[in-house]
Amino acid sequence: MFKKEIYEKAMATLKERRGIALTRAAAVHEQMREAVPRVREIEQLMAQSSAKVVAAILDGGNIEKQVEKIKNENLALQTELAALLQKHGVTAGNFEPVHSCSDCQDTGFVDGKPCDCLQRLMREYSCMELTELSAMKPTSFDDLSLEYYSSRADGRTGIAPRAQMRQVIEYCRAYARNFDGHDDSLLLRGPTGVGKTHLSLAIAGEVLSQGYSVVYGPVQQLLHRMEREHFGRADGNTEDVLLECDLLILDDVGTEFSSSFYTSALYNIINGRLMAEKPTIISTNLNQKELTDRYGEQIASRVTGLFEPLVCVGKDIRQQKLKQSLKGE
């Protein structure tokens, strides 16, 4: 269930959209009336039709004949109006408001039930609220520099960190560019400070720009919020939002406080999204054995077996930048 504040915010947005649609339609109508005075005259004559019918009934006589005459006059006026509008590149439909949702006319409800557009807005605002709490901001792939990765081949793998990270970055760039909501889940593994979070947030920025809903944040913070809601210490529907958003990014998995609730909640989120074929991106410092030791086979097998693995390598970029700044002082 969505929070009251989220519902009110979504309804306010729909009210604003409805007002804009009505204002635009009224403006087109008035412009046409000013440009072609006959339009106003025709509309006034058509508005008098009901009064004419009532008068005909009160006067007695051949009511059917009189009503038929009024009907034909009205049809003639409609034909004349349509011709005038067409001549000026306008249709009668232009006088009707064009709502962003044709199902509910931007009221938020259809037959007394919440419209899909209202549900979608509430999900979007819930995603935004969760993401804003994390204080993490989307980044850009253009901000990722390979200069901090060694071009010297690693003694164990035979691959230079710079070459490997170039491949990882290009993979993530293509993933974000081609995102459609049913993509593979990604597992970004590697030591602290080698760009896992930056890559995740660069994907988030690109996917958000395409209009998809994204939630991203430290896993500790998101699970803590779920726990507070679960035990009645806070209002909200964090679990539903994490399950339903188009892309979920869980940062620093493995650094959160260890508890049975957190493990269970993490399993439900990961498994639920896999079942719904919704992509999740996990960044972690843990290797496969450490994931298994911490979370057990249920979570570890899903993450390592069903997520696309991307191994990030190199030395802590923050430390490198700090050393550079100290040298420059």
Protein backbone atom coordinates (compact mmCIF):
# COMPACT_ATOMS: atom_id res chain seq x y z
CA MET A 1 0.00 0.00 0.00
CA PHE A 2 1.36 3.40 -0.96
CA LYS A 3 1.89 6.11 1.61
CA LYS A 4 -0.70 8.87 1.86
CA GLU A 5 1.89 11.47 0.80
CA ILE A 6 2.73 9.49 -2.34
CA TYR A 7 -0.96 9.14 -3.25
CA GLU A 8 -1.57 12.86 -2.74
CA LYS A 9 1.46 13.78 -4.82
CA ALA A 10 0.34 11.53 -7.67
CA MET A 11 -3.21 12.92 -7.56
CA ALA A 12 -1.85 16.48 -7.57
CA THR A 13 0.15 15.65 -10.71
CA LEU A 14 -2.95 14.27 -12.43
CA LYS A 15 -4.94 17.34 -11.39
CA GLU A 16 -2.27 19.56 -12.89
CA ARG A 17 -2.27 17.55 -16.14
CA ARG A 18 -6.05 17.74 -16.32
CA GLY A 19 -5.96 21.50 -15.80
CA ILE A 20 -3.39 21.95 -18.58
CA ALA A 21 -5.49 19.87 -20.99
CA LEU A 22 -8.64 21.87 -20.22
CA THR A 23 -6.81 25.19 -20.55
CA ARG A 24 -5.30 24.26 -23.92
CA ALA A 25 -8.65 23.09 -25.29
CA ALA A 26 -10.36 26.26 -24.08
CA ALA A 27 -7.64 28.40 -25.67
CA VAL A 28 -8.09 26.72 -29.07
CA HIS A 29 -11.85 27.15 -28.79
CA GLU A 30 -11.65 30.83 -27.91
CA GLN A 31 -9.10 31.55 -30.64
CA MET A 32 -11.45 30.03 -33.21
CA ARG A 33 -14.40 32.04 -31.89
CA GLU A 34 -12.40 35.25 -32.16
CA ALA A 35 -11.08 34.46 -35.63
CA VAL A 36 -14.46 33.36 -37.01
CA PRO A 37 -17.41 35.09 -35.23
CA ARG A 38 -19.86 32.80 -37.05
CA VAL A 39 -18.57 29.92 -34.89
CA ARG A 40 -19.88 31.65 -31.77
CA GLU A 41 -23.21 32.33 -33.48
CA ILE A 42 -23.61 28.69 -34.56
CA GLU A 43 -22.82 27.42 -31.07
CA GLN A 44 -25.36 29.80 -29.55
CA LEU A 45 -28.02 28.64 -32.01
CA MET A 46 -27.24 24.98 -31.28
CA ALA A 47 -27.46 25.67 -27.54
CA GLN A 48 -31.00 26.95 -28.05
CA SER A 49 -32.21 23.64 -29.51
CA SER A 50 -33.36 22.20 -26.18
CA ALA A 51 -35.34 25.33 -25.40
CA LYS A 52 -36.98 25.16 -28.83
CA VAL A 53 -38.05 21.54 -28.24
CA VAL A 54 -39.62 22.47 -24.89
CA ALA A 55 -41.43 25.40 -26.53
CA ALA A 56 -42.74 23.14 -29.27
CA ILE A 57 -44.15 20.72 -26.70
CA LEU A 58 -45.84 23.53 -24.77
CA ASP A 59 -47.32 25.04 -27.93
CA GLY A 60 -48.95 21.74 -28.89
CA GLY A 61 -49.69 21.01 -32.53
CA ASN A 62 -47.66 18.53 -34.55
CA ILE A 63 -44.83 18.01 -32.07
CA GLU A 64 -43.04 15.33 -34.09
CA LYS A 65 -42.90 17.57 -37.14
CA GLN A 66 -41.58 20.51 -35.14
CA VAL A 67 -38.96 18.36 -33.37
CA GLU A 68 -37.85 16.94 -36.71
CA LYS A 69 -37.50 20.47 -38.08
CA ILE A 70 -35.36 21.51 -35.08
CA LYS A 71 -33.26 18.37 -35.49
CA ASN A 72 -32.61 19.12 -39.17
CA GLU A 73 -31.72 22.73 -38.36
CA ASN A 74 -29.28 21.47 -35.75
CA LEU A 75 -27.67 19.03 -38.20
CA ALA A 76 -27.32 21.83 -40.76
CA LEU A 77 -25.60 23.99 -38.14
CA GLN A 78 -23.23 21.14 -37.26
CA THR A 79 -22.37 20.68 -40.93
CA GLU A 80 -21.73 24.41 -41.32
CA LEU A 81 -19.58 24.45 -38.18
CA ALA A 82 -17.52 21.48 -39.35
CA ALA A 83 -16.92 23.15 -42.72
CA LEU A 84 -15.81 26.40 -41.06
CA LEU A 85 -13.44 24.55 -38.74
CA GLN A 86 -11.99 22.46 -41.55
CA LYS A 87 -11.39 25.59 -43.59
CA HIS A 88 -9.21 26.91 -40.76
CA GLY A 89 -7.42 23.62 -40.11
CA VAL A 90 -9.34 22.80 -36.95
CA THR A 91 -11.63 19.89 -36.08
CA ALA A 92 -14.40 19.74 -33.53
CA GLY A 93 -12.18 17.33 -31.59
CA ASN A 94 -9.63 20.11 -31.04
CA PHE A 95 -12.13 21.74 -28.72
CA GLU A 96 -12.01 18.67 -26.46
CA PRO A 97 -9.20 18.42 -23.89
CA VAL A 98 -6.46 15.93 -24.81
CA HIS A 99 -5.68 14.17 -21.55
CA SER A 100 -2.43 12.34 -20.85
CA CYS A 101 -4.51 9.27 -19.94
CA SER A 102 -7.45 8.49 -22.20
CA ASP A 103 -8.74 5.80 -19.81
CA CYS A 104 -9.46 7.99 -16.79
CA GLN A 105 -9.25 11.47 -18.37
CA ASP A 106 -6.55 12.26 -15.78
CA THR A 107 -8.92 11.74 -12.85
CA GLY A 108 -6.95 8.74 -11.54
CA PHE A 109 -9.94 6.40 -11.42
CA VAL A 110 -11.93 4.21 -13.82
CA ASP A 111 -15.24 2.79 -12.57
CA GLY A 112 -14.24 3.64 -9.03
CA LYS A 113 -10.94 1.76 -9.23
CA PRO A 114 -7.42 3.28 -9.39
CA CYS A 115 -6.31 3.74 -13.00
CA ASP A 116 -3.05 2.26 -14.22
CA CYS A 117 -1.70 5.80 -14.70
CA LEU A 118 -2.25 6.57 -11.00
CA GLN A 119 -0.57 3.32 -9.96
CA ARG A 120 2.34 4.08 -12.29
CA LEU A 121 2.78 7.59 -10.90
CA MET A 122 2.75 6.32 -7.31
CA ARG A 123 5.40 3.73 -8.17
CA GLU A 124 7.54 6.41 -9.85
CA TYR A 125 7.27 8.76 -6.87
CA SER A 126 8.01 5.91 -4.45
CA CYS A 127 11.13 5.05 -6.49
CA MET A 128 12.24 8.67 -6.43
CA GLU A 129 11.70 8.90 -2.67
CA LEU A 130 13.78 5.79 -1.98
CA THR A 131 16.56 6.92 -4.27
CA GLU A 132 16.68 10.44 -2.81
CA LEU A 133 17.15 8.97 0.65
CA SER A 134 20.34 7.24 -0.45
CA ALA A 135 22.05 10.53 -1.36
CA MET A 136 23.58 8.70 -4.35
CA LYS A 137 23.33 10.54 -7.66
CA PRO A 138 23.37 9.15 -11.21
CA THR A 139 26.69 9.60 -12.97
CA SER A 140 27.85 9.41 -16.58
CA PHE A 141 29.98 6.91 -18.48
CA ASP A 142 31.93 9.90 -19.79
CA ASP A 143 33.17 10.56 -16.25
CA LEU A 144 34.87 7.15 -16.10
CA SER A 145 38.57 7.50 -16.85
CA LEU A 146 40.79 4.54 -17.66
CA GLU A 147 43.91 6.43 -16.60
CA TYR A 148 43.54 5.09 -13.05
CA TYR A 149 43.84 1.48 -14.24
CA SER A 150 47.25 -0.04 -14.92
CA SER A 151 48.13 -0.94 -18.48
CA ARG A 152 50.55 -3.58 -17.18
CA ALA A 153 49.32 -7.19 -17.50
CA ASP A 154 48.27 -8.88 -14.28
CA GLY A 155 50.64 -11.74 -13.34
CA ARG A 156 47.77 -14.15 -12.58
CA THR A 157 45.34 -13.42 -15.42
CA GLY A 158 47.71 -12.08 -18.05
CA ILE A 159 45.24 -9.25 -18.68
CA ALA A 160 45.95 -5.59 -17.95
CA PRO A 161 43.40 -3.96 -15.59
CA ARG A 162 42.95 -1.15 -18.10
CA ALA A 163 42.02 -3.58 -20.89
CA GLN A 164 39.64 -5.50 -18.65
CA MET A 165 37.92 -2.38 -17.37
CA ARG A 166 37.57 -1.03 -20.91
CA GLN A 167 35.58 -4.17 -21.75
CA VAL A 168 33.49 -3.89 -18.57
CA ILE A 169 32.69 -0.22 -19.21
CA GLU A 170 31.70 -0.86 -22.82
CA TYR A 171 29.51 -3.76 -21.76
CA CYS A 172 27.73 -1.58 -19.20
CA ARG A 173 27.38 1.29 -21.69
CA ALA A 174 25.72 -1.04 -24.23
CA TYR A 175 23.56 -2.58 -21.48
CA ALA A 176 22.22 0.85 -20.49
CA ARG A 177 21.79 2.05 -24.07
CA ASN A 178 19.77 -1.03 -25.06
CA PHE A 179 17.82 -1.39 -21.81
CA ASP A 180 14.22 -2.56 -22.26
CA GLY A 181 13.20 -3.70 -18.78
CA HIS A 182 13.74 -7.42 -19.39
CA ASP A 183 17.53 -7.45 -19.46
CA ASP A 184 19.97 -9.71 -17.65
CA SER A 185 20.77 -9.01 -14.03
CA LEU A 186 24.36 -7.96 -13.40
CA LEU A 187 26.82 -8.87 -10.65
CA LEU A 188 29.62 -6.31 -10.33
CA ARG A 189 32.40 -7.78 -8.20
CA GLY A 190 35.73 -6.38 -7.17
CA PRO A 191 37.67 -4.65 -4.38
CA THR A 192 36.70 -1.31 -2.89
CA GLY A 193 37.14 1.80 -4.99
CA VAL A 194 37.60 0.31 -8.46
CA GLY A 195 34.46 1.80 -10.04
CA LYS A 196 31.61 -0.63 -9.28
CA THR A 197 29.31 2.03 -7.83
CA HIS A 198 30.20 4.54 -10.53
CA LEU A 199 29.36 2.01 -13.23
CA SER A 200 26.04 1.17 -11.55
CA LEU A 201 25.09 4.83 -11.28
CA ALA A 202 26.12 5.50 -14.88
CA ILE A 203 23.72 2.75 -15.94
CA ALA A 204 21.06 4.29 -13.69
CA GLY A 205 21.52 7.71 -15.29
CA GLU A 206 21.15 6.37 -18.82
CA VAL A 207 18.15 4.14 -17.98
CA LEU A 208 16.41 6.97 -16.12
CA SER A 209 16.85 9.25 -19.14
CA GLN A 210 14.89 6.70 -21.19
CA GLY A 211 11.87 7.01 -18.89
CA TYR A 212 12.28 3.79 -16.87
CA SER A 213 11.81 3.64 -13.10
CA VAL A 214 15.04 2.97 -11.21
CA VAL A 215 15.78 2.49 -7.53
CA TYR A 216 19.40 2.57 -6.43
CA GLY A 217 21.02 2.77 -3.04
CA PRO A 218 23.15 1.04 -0.41
CA VAL A 219 21.57 -2.32 0.43
CA GLN A 220 21.89 -1.56 4.17
CA GLN A 221 19.69 1.50 3.85
CA LEU A 222 17.02 -0.16 1.71
CA LEU A 223 16.80 -3.24 3.94
CA HIS A 224 16.68 -1.10 7.08
CA ARG A 225 13.73 0.81 5.64
CA MET A 226 11.97 -2.48 4.83
CA GLU A 227 12.57 -3.68 8.38
CA ARG A 228 11.08 -0.52 9.91
CA GLU A 229 7.96 -0.84 7.74
CA HIS A 230 7.65 -4.57 8.43
CA PHE A 231 7.61 -4.08 12.19
CA GLY A 232 5.31 -1.05 12.06
CA ARG A 233 7.90 1.58 12.89
CA ALA A 234 7.41 3.43 9.58
CA ASP A 235 4.82 3.77 6.82
CA GLY A 236 5.53 2.76 3.24
CA ASN A 237 5.73 -0.04 0.72
CA THR A 238 9.46 -0.30 0.08
CA GLU A 239 9.37 -4.03 -0.66
CA ASP A 240 6.70 -3.58 -3.34
CA VAL A 241 8.65 -0.74 -4.93
CA LEU A 242 11.89 -2.75 -4.97
CA LEU A 243 10.06 -5.66 -6.58
CA GLU A 244 8.20 -3.62 -9.18
CA CYS A 245 10.66 -0.95 -10.38
CA ASP A 246 12.11 -1.43 -13.86
CA LEU A 247 15.68 -1.58 -12.58
CA LEU A 248 16.94 -2.15 -9.04
CA ILE A 249 20.54 -1.40 -8.07
CA LEU A 250 21.74 -2.78 -4.74
CA ASP A 251 25.08 -1.24 -3.82
CA ASP A 252 27.63 -2.69 -1.41
CA VAL A 253 25.90 -6.03 -0.85
CA GLY A 254 27.73 -7.77 1.98
CA THR A 255 28.46 -4.64 4.01
CA GLU A 256 25.01 -4.50 5.60
CA PHE A 257 24.32 -5.60 9.18
CA SER A 258 23.88 -9.37 9.29
CA SER A 259 20.44 -10.51 10.45
CA SER A 260 17.91 -13.20 9.59
CA PHE A 261 15.42 -10.54 8.51
CA TYR A 262 17.90 -8.89 6.14
CA THR A 263 18.87 -12.23 4.61
CA SER A 264 15.24 -13.25 4.16
CA ALA A 265 14.29 -9.86 2.71
CA LEU A 266 17.24 -9.90 0.31
CA TYR A 267 16.28 -13.37 -0.90
CA ASN A 268 12.66 -12.33 -1.47
CA ILE A 269 13.74 -9.31 -3.51
CA ILE A 270 16.31 -11.15 -5.63
CA ASN A 271 14.12 -14.20 -6.21
CA GLY A 272 10.97 -12.15 -6.79
CA ARG A 273 12.62 -10.02 -9.44
CA LEU A 274 14.16 -13.05 -11.15
CA MET A 275 10.74 -14.71 -11.27
CA ALA A 276 9.24 -11.53 -12.73
CA GLU A 277 12.13 -11.24 -15.20
CA LYS A 278 13.04 -7.80 -13.89
CA PRO A 279 16.75 -6.89 -13.89
CA THR A 280 18.76 -6.24 -10.75
CA ILE A 281 22.31 -4.94 -10.48
CA ILE A 282 24.34 -5.97 -7.44
CA SER A 283 27.75 -4.58 -6.54
CA THR A 284 29.78 -6.39 -3.92
CA ASN A 285 33.30 -6.93 -2.60
CA LEU A 286 32.53 -10.59 -1.83
CA ASN A 287 33.69 -13.53 -3.92
CA GLN A 288 31.57 -16.62 -4.51
CA LYS A 289 32.68 -18.44 -1.35
CA GLU A 290 32.14 -15.35 0.78
CA LEU A 291 28.65 -14.87 -0.69
CA THR A 292 27.80 -18.49 0.15
CA ASP A 293 29.23 -18.26 3.66
CA ARG A 294 27.28 -15.07 4.37
CA TYR A 295 23.95 -15.73 2.70
CA GLY A 296 23.77 -19.48 2.11
CA GLU A 297 23.17 -21.38 -1.12
CA GLN A 298 19.70 -19.95 -1.80
CA ILE A 299 20.98 -16.44 -2.44
CA ALA A 300 24.54 -17.24 -3.57
CA SER A 301 23.43 -19.72 -6.23
CA ARG A 302 20.98 -17.26 -7.73
CA VAL A 303 23.40 -14.36 -7.74
CA THR A 304 26.39 -16.26 -9.10
CA GLY A 305 24.43 -18.55 -11.41
CA LEU A 306 21.71 -16.29 -12.84
CA PHE A 307 23.42 -12.87 -12.85
CA GLU A 308 25.86 -11.83 -15.58
CA PRO A 309 29.26 -11.56 -13.79
CA LEU A 310 31.39 -8.48 -14.38
CA VAL A 311 34.71 -8.44 -12.55
CA CYS A 312 36.13 -5.01 -11.78
CA VAL A 313 39.85 -4.81 -11.07
CA GLY A 314 42.49 -2.26 -10.21
CA LYS A 315 43.57 -0.16 -7.27
CA ASP A 316 41.38 2.09 -5.16
CA ILE A 317 40.73 5.16 -7.33
CA ARG A 318 39.83 7.33 -4.35
CA GLN A 319 43.18 6.60 -2.78
CA GLN A 320 44.95 7.37 -6.05
CA LYS A 321 43.17 10.71 -6.34
CA LEU A 322 43.97 11.54 -2.72
CA LYS A 323 47.67 10.86 -3.28
CA GLN A 324 47.63 13.01 -6.42
CA SER A 325 46.00 15.89 -4.56
CA LEU A 326 48.50 15.65 -1.71
CA LYS A 327 51.39 15.74 -4.17
CA GLY A 328 49.94 18.82 -5.78
CA GLU A 329 49.79 20.76 -2.50
